[in-house]
């Protein structure tokens, strides 16, 4: 059983998850032309995964059988387990709780060789719909405080299977990265009675030097203090704290904005490995005034080394203004910058 342990000095929680060590990291990871019969995420291999908890498929097809377009299953090697109670306990100065949570895999396409950058906008929209469905379902579980949705694309980004997929982890605590954002956003709101993210978006649009593209409902930009080269954010123009509250029209617009950003990054950086993470408010309404959900895309171009680990500083060799200017100039096929 996984467990959560709290660092007594800085208050950070760590997941101790022996089951993650059982993953088949030596699973065949051949080039994209390989026969997909080795891939557990391909159609016809559904019995190799846990049963689906959500699926977008025609009504004429059967669950856990081929015919699906997007499929969500529990992770076979979960970081946290959904069964049980938290059972928080202390031992001297140490604190722990059982590793309760949810860990799911969103299989984004039946096509083994497809990249999300090549998906149609409607295909990305269906992936976002799967995210929202699982977000709404897991938000009903009162044990969970936060739902993190993320994608690792490429070996350098942490992906162990090449078939396009993303993941969702629901946790019983708010991650420290999000807690830091909440602290800063709350402090700004107390001072100015405005959302700092809304002000940031307005300033980025007015300045323009870090904006990559403007869309009807979203803005894509390289953040002023981005920690990584070509770090790119997509943020909704309208203030919303929770990704799960995004309406259908905006979700379709988000699909176009993400596709545009991924194609520009691929063209600019020769198809880099990358992570993207949806930063959303913790579950509940208390954060609705001052938090603003957004997507952060981080190409894997540099390594975190001793100075970064030891100091907490990041060294970004590419000014965000230069990265945004370069991406703005790129031609991206079948995507309108104002769509």
C-alpha atoms as a PDB file:
ATOM      1  CA  UNK A   1       0.000   0.000   0.000  1.00  0.00           C
ATOM      2  CA  UNK A   2       1.450   3.440  -0.890  1.00  0.00           C
ATOM      3  CA  UNK A   3       1.753   6.032   1.843  1.00  0.00           C
ATOM      4  CA  UNK A   4       2.258   9.760   2.130  1.00  0.00           C
ATOM      5  CA  UNK A   5       5.047  11.020   4.395  1.00  0.00           C
ATOM      6  CA  UNK A   6       5.529  14.629   5.458  1.00  0.00           C
ATOM      7  CA  UNK A   7       8.966  16.232   5.505  1.00  0.00           C
ATOM      8  CA  UNK A   8       9.169  17.704   9.042  1.00  0.00           C
ATOM      9  CA  UNK A   9      11.409  20.598   7.976  1.00  0.00           C
ATOM     10  CA  UNK A  10       9.707  22.109   4.911  1.00  0.00           C
ATOM     11  CA  UNK A  11       6.277  20.506   5.210  1.00  0.00           C
ATOM     12  CA  UNK A  12       6.438  18.828   1.789  1.00  0.00           C
ATOM     13  CA  UNK A  13       4.552  15.571   1.339  1.00  0.00           C
ATOM     14  CA  UNK A  14       6.244  12.682  -0.479  1.00  0.00           C
ATOM     15  CA  UNK A  15       4.504   9.623  -1.943  1.00  0.00           C
ATOM     16  CA  UNK A  16       6.238   6.358  -1.043  1.00  0.00           C
ATOM     17  CA  UNK A  17       4.894   3.970  -3.665  1.00  0.00           C
ATOM     18  CA  UNK A  18       6.636   0.583  -3.997  1.00  0.00           C
ATOM     19  CA  UNK A  19       4.157  -0.472  -6.690  1.00  0.00           C
ATOM     20  CA  UNK A  20       5.574   2.136  -9.068  1.00  0.00           C
ATOM     21  CA  UNK A  21       8.847   0.222  -8.890  1.00  0.00           C
ATOM     22  CA  UNK A  22       7.102  -2.783 -10.436  1.00  0.00           C
ATOM     23  CA  UNK A  23       6.480  -1.002 -13.742  1.00  0.00           C
ATOM     24  CA  UNK A  24       7.928  -2.822 -16.765  1.00  0.00           C
ATOM     25  CA  UNK A  25      10.472  -0.136 -17.623  1.00  0.00           C
ATOM     26  CA  UNK A  26      12.147  -2.604 -19.978  1.00  0.00           C
ATOM     27  CA  UNK A  27       8.899  -2.863 -21.963  1.00  0.00           C
ATOM     28  CA  UNK A  28       9.718  -2.745 -25.696  1.00  0.00           C
ATOM     29  CA  UNK A  29       9.941   0.907 -26.738  1.00  0.00           C
ATOM     30  CA  UNK A  30      10.855   0.587 -30.411  1.00  0.00           C
ATOM     31  CA  UNK A  31      10.547   3.179 -33.163  1.00  0.00           C
ATOM     32  CA  UNK A  32       7.100   4.279 -34.297  1.00  0.00           C
ATOM     33  CA  UNK A  33       7.057   1.910 -37.273  1.00  0.00           C
ATOM     34  CA  UNK A  34       6.970  -1.157 -35.001  1.00  0.00           C
ATOM     35  CA  UNK A  35       4.040  -3.553 -34.950  1.00  0.00           C
ATOM     36  CA  UNK A  36       1.704  -2.150 -32.255  1.00  0.00           C
ATOM     37  CA  UNK A  37       0.840  -5.640 -31.020  1.00  0.00           C
ATOM     38  CA  UNK A  38       3.302  -5.008 -28.181  1.00  0.00           C
ATOM     39  CA  UNK A  39       1.435  -1.930 -26.985  1.00  0.00           C
ATOM     40  CA  UNK A  40      -1.193  -2.357 -24.229  1.00  0.00           C
ATOM     41  CA  UNK A  41      -2.871   0.909 -25.273  1.00  0.00           C
ATOM     42  CA  UNK A  42      -3.647  -0.218 -28.827  1.00  0.00           C
ATOM     43  CA  UNK A  43      -7.067  -1.540 -29.984  1.00  0.00           C
ATOM     44  CA  UNK A  44      -7.291  -5.295 -29.544  1.00  0.00           C
ATOM     45  CA  UNK A  45      -5.143  -5.186 -26.403  1.00  0.00           C
ATOM     46  CA  UNK A  46      -7.850  -3.949 -24.018  1.00  0.00           C
ATOM     47  CA  UNK A  47      -7.473  -6.988 -21.764  1.00  0.00           C
ATOM     48  CA  UNK A  48      -3.934  -5.817 -20.919  1.00  0.00           C
ATOM     49  CA  UNK A  49      -5.281  -2.776 -19.063  1.00  0.00           C
ATOM     50  CA  UNK A  50      -7.727  -2.434 -16.154  1.00  0.00           C
ATOM     51  CA  UNK A  51     -11.354  -1.987 -17.232  1.00  0.00           C
ATOM     52  CA  UNK A  52     -12.265   1.401 -18.647  1.00  0.00           C
ATOM     53  CA  UNK A  53     -13.804   3.988 -16.317  1.00  0.00           C
ATOM     54  CA  UNK A  54     -14.713   6.310 -19.197  1.00  0.00           C
ATOM     55  CA  UNK A  55     -14.788   5.830 -22.945  1.00  0.00           C
ATOM     56  CA  UNK A  56     -15.765   7.821 -26.018  1.00  0.00           C
ATOM     57  CA  UNK A  57     -16.973   5.218 -28.482  1.00  0.00           C
ATOM     58  CA  UNK A  58     -19.929   4.622 -30.837  1.00  0.00           C
ATOM     59  CA  UNK A  59     -22.987   3.157 -29.132  1.00  0.00           C
ATOM     60  CA  UNK A  60     -22.717   0.118 -31.409  1.00  0.00           C
ATOM     61  CA  UNK A  61     -19.424  -0.978 -29.801  1.00  0.00           C
ATOM     62  CA  UNK A  62     -18.936  -2.849 -26.528  1.00  0.00           C
ATOM     63  CA  UNK A  63     -17.021  -1.705 -23.427  1.00  0.00           C
ATOM     64  CA  UNK A  64     -13.405  -2.872 -23.180  1.00  0.00           C
ATOM     65  CA  UNK A  65     -13.385  -3.814 -26.849  1.00  0.00           C
ATOM     66  CA  UNK A  66     -12.015  -2.087 -29.974  1.00  0.00           C
ATOM     67  CA  UNK A  67     -13.965   0.753 -31.550  1.00  0.00           C
ATOM     68  CA  UNK A  68     -13.137   3.523 -29.053  1.00  0.00           C
ATOM     69  CA  UNK A  69     -11.717   6.985 -29.769  1.00  0.00           C
ATOM     70  CA  UNK A  70     -10.623   7.969 -26.223  1.00  0.00           C
ATOM     71  CA  UNK A  71     -10.369   5.522 -23.344  1.00  0.00           C
ATOM     72  CA  UNK A  72      -9.658   6.059 -19.619  1.00  0.00           C
ATOM     73  CA  UNK A  73      -8.441   3.261 -17.343  1.00  0.00           C
ATOM     74  CA  UNK A  74      -6.961   3.029 -13.864  1.00  0.00           C
ATOM     75  CA  UNK A  75      -3.185   3.006 -13.891  1.00  0.00           C
ATOM     76  CA  UNK A  76      -1.963  -0.581 -13.584  1.00  0.00           C
ATOM     77  CA  UNK A  77       0.905   0.608 -11.374  1.00  0.00           C
ATOM     78  CA  UNK A  78      -0.708   3.454  -9.389  1.00  0.00           C
ATOM     79  CA  UNK A  79       1.165   6.015  -7.337  1.00  0.00           C
ATOM     80  CA  UNK A  80      -1.882   6.119  -5.016  1.00  0.00           C
ATOM     81  CA  UNK A  81      -4.740   3.683  -4.442  1.00  0.00           C
ATOM     82  CA  UNK A  82      -8.423   4.543  -4.327  1.00  0.00           C
ATOM     83  CA  UNK A  83      -9.436   1.878  -1.796  1.00  0.00           C
ATOM     84  CA  UNK A  84      -9.241   2.602   1.923  1.00  0.00           C
ATOM     85  CA  UNK A  85      -9.143   5.443   4.424  1.00  0.00           C
ATOM     86  CA  UNK A  86      -6.468   8.057   5.020  1.00  0.00           C
ATOM     87  CA  UNK A  87      -5.628   6.908   8.582  1.00  0.00           C
ATOM     88  CA  UNK A  88      -3.398   9.873   9.342  1.00  0.00           C
ATOM     89  CA  UNK A  89      -0.942   9.151  12.156  1.00  0.00           C
ATOM     90  CA  UNK A  90       2.150  10.573  13.867  1.00  0.00           C
ATOM     91  CA  UNK A  91       5.320   8.909  15.117  1.00  0.00           C
ATOM     92  CA  UNK A  92       7.360  11.401  17.108  1.00  0.00           C
ATOM     93  CA  UNK A  93       7.949  14.371  14.804  1.00  0.00           C
ATOM     94  CA  UNK A  94       7.039  12.369  11.701  1.00  0.00           C
ATOM     95  CA  UNK A  95       3.580  12.369  10.071  1.00  0.00           C
ATOM     96  CA  UNK A  96       2.138   9.907   7.594  1.00  0.00           C
ATOM     97  CA  UNK A  97      -1.117   8.823   6.034  1.00  0.00           C
ATOM     98  CA  UNK A  98      -2.170   6.003   3.788  1.00  0.00           C
ATOM     99  CA  UNK A  99      -1.566   6.601   0.087  1.00  0.00           C
ATOM    100  CA  UNK A 100      -5.188   7.147  -0.844  1.00  0.00           C
ATOM    101  CA  UNK A 101      -5.981   8.753  -4.177  1.00  0.00           C
ATOM    102  CA  UNK A 102      -6.773   7.944  -7.773  1.00  0.00           C
ATOM    103  CA  UNK A 103      -4.340   7.389 -10.644  1.00  0.00           C
ATOM    104  CA  UNK A 104      -5.782   7.060 -14.131  1.00  0.00           C
ATOM    105  CA  UNK A 105      -4.475   6.939 -17.703  1.00  0.00           C
ATOM    106  CA  UNK A 106      -6.220   8.754 -20.543  1.00  0.00           C
ATOM    107  CA  UNK A 107      -5.443   6.890 -23.778  1.00  0.00           C
ATOM    108  CA  UNK A 108      -5.905   9.725 -26.242  1.00  0.00           C
ATOM    109  CA  UNK A 109      -6.193   7.883 -29.547  1.00  0.00           C
ATOM    110  CA  UNK A 110      -6.368   4.343 -30.949  1.00  0.00           C
ATOM    111  CA  UNK A 111      -3.608   5.308 -33.410  1.00  0.00           C
ATOM    112  CA  UNK A 112      -0.292   4.030 -32.065  1.00  0.00           C
ATOM    113  CA  UNK A 113       1.861   6.485 -34.020  1.00  0.00           C
ATOM    114  CA  UNK A 114      -0.206   9.663 -33.636  1.00  0.00           C
ATOM    115  CA  UNK A 115       1.163  12.748 -31.872  1.00  0.00           C
ATOM    116  CA  UNK A 116      -1.235  15.121 -30.133  1.00  0.00           C
ATOM    117  CA  UNK A 117       0.155  17.947 -32.288  1.00  0.00           C
ATOM    118  CA  UNK A 118      -1.305  16.110 -35.300  1.00  0.00           C
ATOM    119  CA  UNK A 119      -4.736  15.484 -33.775  1.00  0.00           C
ATOM    120  CA  UNK A 120      -7.664  17.375 -35.220  1.00  0.00           C
ATOM    121  CA  UNK A 121      -9.208  19.991 -32.962  1.00  0.00           C
ATOM    122  CA  UNK A 122     -12.231  17.714 -32.471  1.00  0.00           C
ATOM    123  CA  UNK A 123      -9.941  14.863 -31.356  1.00  0.00           C
ATOM    124  CA  UNK A 124      -8.226  17.088 -28.782  1.00  0.00           C
ATOM    125  CA  UNK A 125     -11.656  18.312 -27.674  1.00  0.00           C
ATOM    126  CA  UNK A 126     -12.680  14.704 -26.945  1.00  0.00           C
ATOM    127  CA  UNK A 127      -9.528  14.262 -24.841  1.00  0.00           C
ATOM    128  CA  UNK A 128     -10.476  17.384 -22.866  1.00  0.00           C
ATOM    129  CA  UNK A 129     -14.004  16.024 -22.454  1.00  0.00           C
ATOM    130  CA  UNK A 130     -12.516  12.866 -20.956  1.00  0.00           C
ATOM    131  CA  UNK A 131     -10.461  15.019 -18.577  1.00  0.00           C
ATOM    132  CA  UNK A 132     -13.578  16.910 -17.507  1.00  0.00           C
ATOM    133  CA  UNK A 133     -15.670  13.774 -17.035  1.00  0.00           C
ATOM    134  CA  UNK A 134     -13.083  12.207 -14.756  1.00  0.00           C
ATOM    135  CA  UNK A 135     -12.469  15.523 -12.959  1.00  0.00           C
ATOM    136  CA  UNK A 136     -16.182  15.901 -12.186  1.00  0.00           C
ATOM    137  CA  UNK A 137     -16.547  12.295 -11.072  1.00  0.00           C
ATOM    138  CA  UNK A 138     -13.527  12.273  -8.756  1.00  0.00           C
ATOM    139  CA  UNK A 139     -14.402  15.707  -7.330  1.00  0.00           C
ATOM    140  CA  UNK A 140     -17.383  14.043  -5.621  1.00  0.00           C
ATOM    141  CA  UNK A 141     -15.032  11.973  -3.453  1.00  0.00           C
ATOM    142  CA  UNK A 142     -14.630  13.961  -0.228  1.00  0.00           C
ATOM    143  CA  UNK A 143     -11.261  12.341   0.502  1.00  0.00           C
ATOM    144  CA  UNK A 144      -9.676  14.215  -2.406  1.00  0.00           C
ATOM    145  CA  UNK A 145      -8.450  17.805  -2.227  1.00  0.00           C
ATOM    146  CA  UNK A 146      -6.750  18.158  -5.601  1.00  0.00           C
ATOM    147  CA  UNK A 147      -6.916  16.663  -9.103  1.00  0.00           C
ATOM    148  CA  UNK A 148      -3.808  16.986 -11.274  1.00  0.00           C
ATOM    149  CA  UNK A 149      -4.013  16.315 -15.019  1.00  0.00           C
ATOM    150  CA  UNK A 150      -0.727  16.071 -16.913  1.00  0.00           C
ATOM    151  CA  UNK A 151       0.948  14.651 -20.000  1.00  0.00           C
ATOM    152  CA  UNK A 152       4.478  13.287 -20.389  1.00  0.00           C
ATOM    153  CA  UNK A 153       5.430  13.096 -24.067  1.00  0.00           C
ATOM    154  CA  UNK A 154       8.739  11.460 -24.916  1.00  0.00           C
ATOM    155  CA  UNK A 155      11.257   9.494 -22.879  1.00  0.00           C
ATOM    156  CA  UNK A 156      13.024  12.629 -21.596  1.00  0.00           C
ATOM    157  CA  UNK A 157       9.678  13.851 -20.239  1.00  0.00           C
ATOM    158  CA  UNK A 158       9.073  10.647 -18.274  1.00  0.00           C
ATOM    159  CA  UNK A 159       6.899   8.664 -20.685  1.00  0.00           C
ATOM    160  CA  UNK A 160       7.449   4.895 -20.546  1.00  0.00           C
ATOM    161  CA  UNK A 161       5.110   4.087 -23.447  1.00  0.00           C
ATOM    162  CA  UNK A 162       5.110   5.935 -26.766  1.00  0.00           C
ATOM    163  CA  UNK A 163       1.381   5.564 -27.481  1.00  0.00           C
ATOM    164  CA  UNK A 164      -0.182   9.012 -26.909  1.00  0.00           C
ATOM    165  CA  UNK A 165      -1.613   9.218 -23.407  1.00  0.00           C
ATOM    166  CA  UNK A 166      -1.938  11.531 -20.435  1.00  0.00           C
ATOM    167  CA  UNK A 167      -2.582  10.936 -16.742  1.00  0.00           C
ATOM    168  CA  UNK A 168      -4.689  12.091 -13.831  1.00  0.00           C
ATOM    169  CA  UNK A 169      -3.814  11.818 -10.141  1.00  0.00           C
ATOM    170  CA  UNK A 170      -6.240  12.817  -7.386  1.00  0.00           C
ATOM    171  CA  UNK A 171      -4.591  13.498  -4.021  1.00  0.00           C
ATOM    172  CA  UNK A 172      -5.849  13.949  -0.450  1.00  0.00           C
ATOM    173  CA  UNK A 173      -3.634  17.032  -0.017  1.00  0.00           C
ATOM    174  CA  UNK A 174      -2.906  20.132  -2.106  1.00  0.00           C
ATOM    175  CA  UNK A 175       0.494  19.779  -3.851  1.00  0.00           C
ATOM    176  CA  UNK A 176       3.142  22.235  -2.656  1.00  0.00           C
ATOM    177  CA  UNK A 177       3.544  23.762  -6.150  1.00  0.00           C
ATOM    178  CA  UNK A 178      -0.136  24.681  -6.212  1.00  0.00           C
ATOM    179  CA  UNK A 179      -0.078  25.778  -2.560  1.00  0.00           C
ATOM    180  CA  UNK A 180       2.682  28.267  -3.437  1.00  0.00           C
ATOM    181  CA  UNK A 181       0.577  29.676  -6.286  1.00  0.00           C
ATOM    182  CA  UNK A 182      -2.429  29.953  -3.987  1.00  0.00           C
ATOM    183  CA  UNK A 183      -0.406  31.813  -1.369  1.00  0.00           C
ATOM    184  CA  UNK A 184       0.866  34.367  -3.873  1.00  0.00           C
ATOM    185  CA  UNK A 185      -2.518  34.790  -5.566  1.00  0.00           C
ATOM    186  CA  UNK A 186      -4.292  35.221  -2.238  1.00  0.00           C
ATOM    187  CA  UNK A 187      -1.773  37.817  -1.047  1.00  0.00           C
ATOM    188  CA  UNK A 188      -2.239  39.827  -4.263  1.00  0.00           C
ATOM    189  CA  UNK A 189      -6.030  39.607  -4.003  1.00  0.00           C
ATOM    190  CA  UNK A 190      -5.962  40.814  -0.407  1.00  0.00           C
ATOM    191  CA  UNK A 191      -3.910  43.825  -1.513  1.00  0.00           C
ATOM    192  CA  UNK A 192      -5.680  44.787  -4.751  1.00  0.00           C
ATOM    193  CA  UNK A 193      -8.967  42.845  -4.728  1.00  0.00           C
ATOM    194  CA  UNK A 194      -8.172  41.491  -8.185  1.00  0.00           C
ATOM    195  CA  UNK A 195      -6.946  38.184  -9.596  1.00  0.00           C
ATOM    196  CA  UNK A 196      -3.215  38.343 -10.282  1.00  0.00           C
ATOM    197  CA  UNK A 197      -3.584  35.986 -13.246  1.00  0.00           C
ATOM    198  CA  UNK A 198      -6.230  38.231 -14.833  1.00  0.00           C
ATOM    199  CA  UNK A 199      -3.910  41.212 -14.413  1.00  0.00           C
ATOM    200  CA  UNK A 200      -1.012  39.182 -15.828  1.00  0.00           C
ATOM    201  CA  UNK A 201      -3.019  38.230 -18.922  1.00  0.00           C
ATOM    202  CA  UNK A 202      -4.101  41.829 -19.522  1.00  0.00           C
ATOM    203  CA  UNK A 203      -0.513  43.064 -19.192  1.00  0.00           C
ATOM    204  CA  UNK A 204       0.831  40.357 -21.517  1.00  0.00           C
ATOM    205  CA  UNK A 205      -1.746  41.266 -24.180  1.00  0.00           C
ATOM    206  CA  UNK A 206      -0.999  44.998 -23.816  1.00  0.00           C
ATOM    207  CA  UNK A 207       2.773  44.442 -23.972  1.00  0.00           C
ATOM    208  CA  UNK A 208       2.663  41.768 -26.678  1.00  0.00           C
ATOM    209  CA  UNK A 209       6.345  40.808 -26.575  1.00  0.00           C
ATOM    210  CA  UNK A 210       5.735  37.463 -24.865  1.00  0.00           C
ATOM    211  CA  UNK A 211       2.425  36.609 -26.557  1.00  0.00           C
ATOM    212  CA  UNK A 212       2.604  33.708 -29.021  1.00  0.00           C
ATOM    213  CA  UNK A 213      -1.017  33.718 -30.216  1.00  0.00           C
ATOM    214  CA  UNK A 214      -4.312  35.252 -29.159  1.00  0.00           C
ATOM    215  CA  UNK A 215      -7.470  33.174 -29.476  1.00  0.00           C
ATOM    216  CA  UNK A 216     -11.099  34.023 -28.850  1.00  0.00           C
ATOM    217  CA  UNK A 217     -11.176  32.562 -25.331  1.00  0.00           C
ATOM    218  CA  UNK A 218      -7.478  31.919 -24.619  1.00  0.00           C
ATOM    219  CA  UNK A 219      -4.063  33.556 -24.766  1.00  0.00           C
ATOM    220  CA  UNK A 220      -0.832  31.636 -25.363  1.00  0.00           C
ATOM    221  CA  UNK A 221       2.312  33.289 -24.028  1.00  0.00           C
ATOM    222  CA  UNK A 222       5.777  32.647 -22.632  1.00  0.00           C
ATOM    223  CA  UNK A 223       5.695  33.687 -18.949  1.00  0.00           C
ATOM    224  CA  UNK A 224       7.802  36.662 -17.847  1.00  0.00           C
ATOM    225  CA  UNK A 225       9.782  34.609 -15.308  1.00  0.00           C
ATOM    226  CA  UNK A 226       9.602  31.250 -17.077  1.00  0.00           C
ATOM    227  CA  UNK A 227      11.969  28.782 -15.449  1.00  0.00           C
ATOM    228  CA  UNK A 228      12.591  26.770 -18.614  1.00  0.00           C
ATOM    229  CA  UNK A 229      13.469  27.686 -22.216  1.00  0.00           C
ATOM    230  CA  UNK A 230      10.354  27.975 -24.391  1.00  0.00           C
ATOM    231  CA  UNK A 231       8.070  27.410 -21.389  1.00  0.00           C
ATOM    232  CA  UNK A 232       4.595  28.243 -22.697  1.00  0.00           C
ATOM    233  CA  UNK A 233       1.313  28.941 -20.914  1.00  0.00           C
ATOM    234  CA  UNK A 234      -2.254  28.847 -22.203  1.00  0.00           C
ATOM    235  CA  UNK A 235      -4.673  30.805 -20.025  1.00  0.00           C
ATOM    236  CA  UNK A 236      -8.392  31.573 -20.392  1.00  0.00           C
ATOM    237  CA  UNK A 237      -9.254  35.241 -20.853  1.00  0.00           C
ATOM    238  CA  UNK A 238     -12.322  34.820 -18.640  1.00  0.00           C
ATOM    239  CA  UNK A 239     -11.682  34.338 -14.936  1.00  0.00           C
ATOM    240  CA  UNK A 240     -12.278  30.742 -13.869  1.00  0.00           C
ATOM    241  CA  UNK A 241     -10.643  28.974 -10.949  1.00  0.00           C
ATOM    242  CA  UNK A 242     -11.428  25.400 -11.959  1.00  0.00           C
ATOM    243  CA  UNK A 243     -10.638  23.672 -15.246  1.00  0.00           C
ATOM    244  CA  UNK A 244     -13.754  21.568 -14.679  1.00  0.00           C
ATOM    245  CA  UNK A 245     -15.962  24.663 -15.073  1.00  0.00           C
ATOM    246  CA  UNK A 246     -14.886  25.319 -18.677  1.00  0.00           C
ATOM    247  CA  UNK A 247     -17.938  25.301 -20.954  1.00  0.00           C
ATOM    248  CA  UNK A 248     -18.193  23.408 -24.242  1.00  0.00           C
ATOM    249  CA  UNK A 249     -17.495  26.367 -26.524  1.00  0.00           C
ATOM    250  CA  UNK A 250     -14.398  27.350 -24.547  1.00  0.00           C
ATOM    251  CA  UNK A 251     -13.245  23.724 -24.427  1.00  0.00           C
ATOM    252  CA  UNK A 252     -13.351  23.587 -28.233  1.00  0.00           C
ATOM    253  CA  UNK A 253     -11.365  26.811 -28.344  1.00  0.00           C
ATOM    254  CA  UNK A 254      -8.851  25.336 -25.924  1.00  0.00           C
ATOM    255  CA  UNK A 255      -8.381  22.367 -28.245  1.00  0.00           C
ATOM    256  CA  UNK A 256      -7.388  24.749 -31.044  1.00  0.00           C
ATOM    257  CA  UNK A 257      -5.091  26.763 -28.787  1.00  0.00           C
ATOM    258  CA  UNK A 258      -3.271  23.667 -27.527  1.00  0.00           C
ATOM    259  CA  UNK A 259      -2.895  22.226 -31.015  1.00  0.00           C
ATOM    260  CA  UNK A 260      -1.458  25.523 -32.230  1.00  0.00           C
ATOM    261  CA  UNK A 261       1.012  25.703 -29.328  1.00  0.00           C
ATOM    262  CA  UNK A 262       2.191  22.103 -29.713  1.00  0.00           C
ATOM    263  CA  UNK A 263       2.723  22.533 -33.446  1.00  0.00           C
ATOM    264  CA  UNK A 264       4.698  25.732 -32.933  1.00  0.00           C
ATOM    265  CA  UNK A 265       6.887  24.109 -30.278  1.00  0.00           C
ATOM    266  CA  UNK A 266       7.485  21.097 -32.506  1.00  0.00           C
ATOM    267  CA  UNK A 267       8.458  23.306 -35.441  1.00  0.00           C
ATOM    268  CA  UNK A 268      10.639  25.559 -33.310  1.00  0.00           C
ATOM    269  CA  UNK A 269      12.442  22.815 -31.399  1.00  0.00           C
ATOM    270  CA  UNK A 270      12.464  19.811 -33.757  1.00  0.00           C
ATOM    271  CA  UNK A 271       9.830  17.729 -31.974  1.00  0.00           C
ATOM    272  CA  UNK A 272      11.005  17.966 -28.350  1.00  0.00           C
ATOM    273  CA  UNK A 273       9.868  15.828 -25.457  1.00  0.00           C
ATOM    274  CA  UNK A 274       7.586  17.883 -23.240  1.00  0.00           C
ATOM    275  CA  UNK A 275       5.303  17.908 -20.224  1.00  0.00           C
ATOM    276  CA  UNK A 276       2.059  19.773 -19.972  1.00  0.00           C
ATOM    277  CA  UNK A 277       0.204  20.271 -16.726  1.00  0.00           C
ATOM    278  CA  UNK A 278      -3.238  21.702 -16.045  1.00  0.00           C
ATOM    279  CA  UNK A 279      -2.982  23.996 -13.024  1.00  0.00           C
ATOM    280  CA  UNK A 280      -6.442  24.238 -11.485  1.00  0.00           C
ATOM    281  CA  UNK A 281      -7.711  25.389  -8.108  1.00  0.00           C
ATOM    282  CA  UNK A 282      -8.110  22.766  -5.371  1.00  0.00           C
ATOM    283  CA  UNK A 283     -11.568  21.289  -5.030  1.00  0.00           C
ATOM    284  CA  UNK A 284     -14.114  23.592  -3.386  1.00  0.00           C
ATOM    285  CA  UNK A 285     -15.217  27.171  -3.918  1.00  0.00           C
ATOM    286  CA  UNK A 286     -12.975  29.039  -1.476  1.00  0.00           C
ATOM    287  CA  UNK A 287     -10.369  29.789  -4.158  1.00  0.00           C
ATOM    288  CA  UNK A 288     -12.771  31.000  -6.846  1.00  0.00           C
ATOM    289  CA  UNK A 289     -12.067  34.735  -6.472  1.00  0.00           C
ATOM    290  CA  UNK A 290      -8.289  34.711  -6.694  1.00  0.00           C
ATOM    291  CA  UNK A 291      -7.099  31.599  -8.551  1.00  0.00           C
ATOM    292  CA  UNK A 292      -7.136  31.271 -12.351  1.00  0.00           C
ATOM    293  CA  UNK A 293      -6.630  27.905 -14.022  1.00  0.00           C
ATOM    294  CA  UNK A 294      -4.136  27.554 -16.883  1.00  0.00           C
ATOM    295  CA  UNK A 295      -1.995  25.055 -18.789  1.00  0.00           C
ATOM    296  CA  UNK A 296       1.803  25.056 -18.514  1.00  0.00           C
ATOM    297  CA  UNK A 297       3.813  23.396 -21.318  1.00  0.00           C
ATOM    298  CA  UNK A 298       7.470  22.664 -20.570  1.00  0.00           C
ATOM    299  CA  UNK A 299       9.733  21.374 -23.383  1.00  0.00           C
ATOM    300  CA  UNK A 300      12.524  19.172 -22.026  1.00  0.00           C
ATOM    301  CA  UNK A 301      15.537  21.117 -23.271  1.00  0.00           C
ATOM    302  CA  UNK A 302      17.637  21.442 -20.101  1.00  0.00           C
ATOM    303  CA  UNK A 303      18.393  19.248 -17.105  1.00  0.00           C
ATOM    304  CA  UNK A 304      17.841  20.123 -13.466  1.00  0.00           C
ATOM    305  CA  UNK A 305      21.317  19.884 -11.952  1.00  0.00           C
ATOM    306  CA  UNK A 306      23.069  20.538  -8.655  1.00  0.00           C
ATOM    307  CA  UNK A 307      22.672  24.322  -8.561  1.00  0.00           C
ATOM    308  CA  UNK A 308      18.936  24.114  -9.260  1.00  0.00           C
ATOM    309  CA  UNK A 309      18.340  21.382  -6.682  1.00  0.00           C
ATOM    310  CA  UNK A 310      20.528  23.055  -4.103  1.00  0.00           C
ATOM    311  CA  UNK A 311      19.259  26.613  -4.484  1.00  0.00           C
ATOM    312  CA  UNK A 312      15.753  26.435  -5.912  1.00  0.00           C
ATOM    313  CA  UNK A 313      16.877  28.826  -8.669  1.00  0.00           C
ATOM    314  CA  UNK A 314      16.398  27.882 -12.312  1.00  0.00           C
ATOM    315  CA  UNK A 315      18.673  29.121 -15.096  1.00  0.00           C
ATOM    316  CA  UNK A 316      16.735  29.815 -18.312  1.00  0.00           C
ATOM    317  CA  UNK A 317      19.135  30.446 -21.234  1.00  0.00           C
ATOM    318  CA  UNK A 318      16.374  31.674 -23.573  1.00  0.00           C
ATOM    319  CA  UNK A 319      14.608  34.955 -22.755  1.00  0.00           C
ATOM    320  CA  UNK A 320      10.829  34.427 -22.953  1.00  0.00           C
ATOM    321  CA  UNK A 321      10.581  37.423 -25.305  1.00  0.00           C
ATOM    322  CA  UNK A 322      12.928  35.702 -27.796  1.00  0.00           C
ATOM    323  CA  UNK A 323      11.084  32.376 -27.534  1.00  0.00           C
ATOM    324  CA  UNK A 324       7.690  34.009 -28.131  1.00  0.00           C
ATOM    325  CA  UNK A 325       8.969  36.079 -31.060  1.00  0.00           C
ATOM    326  CA  UNK A 326      10.427  32.985 -32.698  1.00  0.00           C
ATOM    327  CA  UNK A 327       7.214  30.967 -32.279  1.00  0.00           C
ATOM    328  CA  UNK A 328       5.051  33.836 -33.552  1.00  0.00           C
ATOM    329  CA  UNK A 329       6.936  33.823 -36.854  1.00  0.00           C
ATOM    330  CA  UNK A 330       6.335  30.131 -37.525  1.00  0.00           C
ATOM    331  CA  UNK A 331       3.770  28.911 -40.009  1.00  0.00           C
ATOM    332  CA  UNK A 332       1.424  26.381 -38.401  1.00  0.00           C
ATOM    333  CA  UNK A 333      -0.700  24.366 -40.779  1.00  0.00           C
ATOM    334  CA  UNK A 334      -4.496  24.329 -40.583  1.00  0.00           C
ATOM    335  CA  UNK A 335      -4.585  26.465 -37.438  1.00  0.00           C
ATOM    336  CA  UNK A 336      -5.743  30.071 -37.324  1.00  0.00           C
ATOM    337  CA  UNK A 337      -4.212  32.340 -34.704  1.00  0.00           C
ATOM    338  CA  UNK A 338      -7.663  33.869 -34.111  1.00  0.00           C
ATOM    339  CA  UNK A 339      -9.692  30.634 -34.164  1.00  0.00           C
END
